[in-house]
Amino acid sequence: MKEKIKKREVLRRIIEDLKTKGKRIVFTNGCFDLLHIGHIRYLEEAKSLGDILVVGVNSDRSVRSLKGPNRPVLPEEERAEILSGLESVNYITIFDEPTPLELISTLQPHILVKGGDWTKESIVGKEVVERSGGEVAILPFVEGSSTSNLIEAILKRYEKRS
């Protein structure tokens, strides 16, 4: 499944080719640190909006800048490889910038997807996608399903043992 993981330039060429074949490209991004049911449901629903689902994964450095020094739990290569095992995900690329704006600008997806914890106005890349005739979709947030909640539950459960 590692063949799903591509460098940005290679992925750009693949996406351009798929577009010429009439495929609808869906893009989403995130940290995807400790994959959970919320991630799975979200990615499956995102895929249902088009033909090809591309996932931009925040690099380790990018995650640390967003989530703090103790994150990510899993390194970027592992997070990408875990995602590559999901049927709903067609391609993965890792980005090092603070936001996926450059990546979205490079790939020009038809549909940009984010979770329900985002407002349309706050979605990075919204203007790029809409300017090229694409759309932005916000999918429902799976309540209580987050990596932070999962980490907290693990810490609570195992601190009682020590």
Protein backbone atom coordinates (compact mmCIF):
# COMPACT_ATOMS: atom_id res chain seq x y z
CA MET A 1 0.00 0.00 0.00
CA LYS A 2 3.01 2.31 0.28
CA GLU A 3 2.61 2.97 -3.46
CA LYS A 4 -0.25 5.31 -2.51
CA ILE A 5 2.25 7.67 -0.83
CA LYS A 6 3.58 10.20 -3.34
CA LYS A 7 5.79 13.26 -3.40
CA ARG A 8 3.91 16.44 -4.28
CA GLU A 9 5.23 16.83 -7.85
CA VAL A 10 4.57 13.19 -8.74
CA LEU A 11 1.09 13.45 -7.28
CA ARG A 12 0.41 16.65 -9.23
CA ARG A 13 1.12 14.82 -12.51
CA ILE A 14 -1.05 11.85 -11.48
CA ILE A 15 -3.94 14.15 -10.55
CA GLU A 16 -3.66 16.09 -13.81
CA ASP A 17 -3.88 12.80 -15.73
CA LEU A 18 -6.87 11.60 -13.68
CA LYS A 19 -8.65 14.91 -14.34
CA THR A 20 -8.20 14.46 -18.11
CA LYS A 21 -9.94 11.10 -17.67
CA GLY A 22 -12.92 12.84 -16.06
CA LYS A 23 -12.21 11.80 -12.45
CA ARG A 24 -13.48 14.02 -9.62
CA ILE A 25 -10.67 14.70 -7.16
CA VAL A 26 -11.48 15.08 -3.46
CA PHE A 27 -8.86 16.49 -1.11
CA THR A 28 -8.65 16.60 2.66
CA ASN A 29 -5.83 17.03 5.10
CA GLY A 30 -4.96 16.51 8.73
CA CYS A 31 -2.55 15.10 11.27
CA PHE A 32 -4.19 11.64 11.46
CA ASP A 33 -2.22 10.85 14.60
CA LEU A 34 -3.60 7.68 16.22
CA LEU A 35 -6.24 6.75 13.68
CA HIS A 36 -9.71 6.37 15.23
CA ILE A 37 -13.32 5.75 14.16
CA GLY A 38 -13.93 9.45 13.54
CA HIS A 39 -11.10 9.46 11.00
CA ILE A 40 -12.40 6.31 9.28
CA ARG A 41 -15.98 7.59 8.96
CA TYR A 42 -14.76 10.99 7.80
CA LEU A 43 -12.46 9.56 5.11
CA GLU A 44 -15.13 7.16 3.83
CA GLU A 45 -17.64 9.98 3.55
CA ALA A 46 -15.08 12.25 1.88
CA LYS A 47 -14.35 9.54 -0.71
CA SER A 48 -18.08 9.21 -1.47
CA LEU A 49 -18.06 12.81 -2.79
CA GLY A 50 -15.86 11.97 -5.78
CA ASP A 51 -13.73 9.36 -7.51
CA ILE A 52 -10.26 9.86 -6.03
CA LEU A 53 -9.48 10.80 -2.43
CA VAL A 54 -6.17 12.53 -1.79
CA VAL A 55 -5.07 13.03 1.81
CA GLY A 56 -2.49 15.64 2.79
CA VAL A 57 -0.77 14.59 6.01
CA ASN A 58 0.89 17.18 8.23
CA SER A 59 4.61 16.49 8.69
CA ASP A 60 5.91 15.87 12.21
CA ARG A 61 7.22 19.43 12.36
CA SER A 62 3.87 20.81 11.21
CA VAL A 63 1.98 18.73 13.81
CA ARG A 64 4.27 19.94 16.61
CA SER A 65 3.62 23.55 15.63
CA LEU A 66 -0.16 22.92 15.73
CA LYS A 67 -0.53 20.48 18.63
CA GLY A 68 2.49 21.07 20.85
CA PRO A 69 5.80 19.36 21.64
CA ASN A 70 4.32 15.99 22.65
CA ARG A 71 2.72 15.39 19.28
CA PRO A 72 2.62 13.59 17.00
CA VAL A 73 2.57 10.24 18.77
CA LEU A 74 3.36 8.44 15.51
CA PRO A 75 5.93 9.69 12.99
CA GLU A 76 4.76 11.03 9.61
CA GLU A 77 5.90 7.97 7.63
CA GLU A 78 3.86 5.64 9.86
CA ARG A 79 0.79 7.89 9.79
CA ALA A 80 0.97 7.97 5.98
CA GLU A 81 1.45 4.21 5.72
CA ILE A 82 -1.47 3.50 8.07
CA LEU A 83 -3.70 5.72 5.91
CA SER A 84 -2.48 3.89 2.80
CA GLY A 85 -4.09 0.73 4.14
CA LEU A 86 -7.56 2.28 3.97
CA GLU A 87 -9.67 1.40 0.95
CA SER A 88 -11.20 4.89 0.86
CA VAL A 89 -7.81 6.61 0.44
CA ASN A 90 -6.27 6.67 -3.04
CA TYR A 91 -3.21 8.88 -2.50
CA ILE A 92 -1.34 10.42 0.40
CA THR A 93 1.27 13.14 0.44
CA ILE A 94 3.06 14.71 3.39
CA PHE A 95 3.30 18.49 3.64
CA ASP A 96 5.66 20.45 5.86
CA GLU A 97 4.07 23.89 5.66
CA PRO A 98 1.89 25.20 8.52
CA THR A 99 -1.20 24.96 6.27
CA PRO A 100 -2.05 22.92 3.16
CA LEU A 101 -2.55 26.04 1.00
CA GLU A 102 0.46 25.40 -1.28
CA LEU A 103 -0.54 21.75 -1.68
CA ILE A 104 -4.16 22.64 -2.51
CA SER A 105 -2.93 25.25 -4.99
CA THR A 106 -0.68 22.66 -6.65
CA LEU A 107 -3.29 19.89 -6.86
CA GLN A 108 -6.39 22.01 -7.62
CA PRO A 109 -8.93 19.44 -6.35
CA HIS A 110 -12.58 19.57 -7.41
CA ILE A 111 -13.76 19.17 -3.81
CA LEU A 112 -12.05 20.32 -0.61
CA VAL A 113 -13.34 18.54 2.50
CA LYS A 114 -12.98 19.37 6.19
CA GLY A 115 -14.66 18.13 9.35
CA GLY A 116 -17.54 19.74 11.20
CA ASP A 117 -15.18 21.38 13.67
CA TRP A 118 -14.37 23.89 10.88
CA THR A 119 -16.43 26.78 9.52
CA LYS A 120 -16.45 27.38 5.78
CA GLU A 121 -14.82 30.78 6.25
CA SER A 122 -11.89 29.32 8.20
CA ILE A 123 -11.03 26.54 5.73
CA VAL A 124 -7.59 27.08 4.23
CA GLY A 125 -7.67 26.75 0.45
CA LYS A 126 -11.39 27.52 0.13
CA GLU A 127 -10.77 30.47 -2.21
CA VAL A 128 -8.36 28.49 -4.40
CA VAL A 129 -10.84 25.65 -4.90
CA GLU A 130 -13.90 27.84 -5.41
CA ARG A 131 -12.03 30.15 -7.82
CA SER A 132 -11.35 27.17 -10.08
CA GLY A 133 -15.02 26.10 -10.01
CA GLY A 134 -14.66 23.54 -7.23
CA GLU A 135 -16.59 23.22 -4.01
CA VAL A 136 -15.95 23.00 -0.28
CA ALA A 137 -17.74 20.40 1.83
CA ILE A 138 -17.95 20.23 5.61
CA LEU A 139 -18.65 16.75 6.97
CA PRO A 140 -20.24 16.04 10.35
CA PHE A 141 -17.90 15.81 13.31
CA VAL A 142 -17.98 12.44 15.12
CA GLU A 143 -18.66 13.60 18.68
CA GLY A 144 -16.11 12.53 21.30
CA SER A 145 -13.86 11.02 18.65
CA SER A 146 -10.49 12.73 18.67
CA THR A 147 -6.85 11.83 19.06
CA SER A 148 -6.61 14.13 22.09
CA ASN A 149 -9.51 12.28 23.76
CA LEU A 150 -7.89 8.94 22.91
CA ILE A 151 -4.54 10.01 24.40
CA GLU A 152 -6.31 11.27 27.53
CA ALA A 153 -8.19 7.97 27.94
CA ILE A 154 -4.97 5.96 27.57
CA LEU A 155 -3.13 8.13 30.10
CA LYS A 156 -5.96 7.86 32.65
CA ARG A 157 -6.26 4.11 32.24
CA TYR A 158 -2.54 3.42 32.58
CA GLU A 159 -1.66 5.97 35.27
CA LYS A 160 -3.79 3.92 37.71
CA ARG A 161 -1.46 0.94 37.18
CA SER A 162 1.72 2.72 38.29
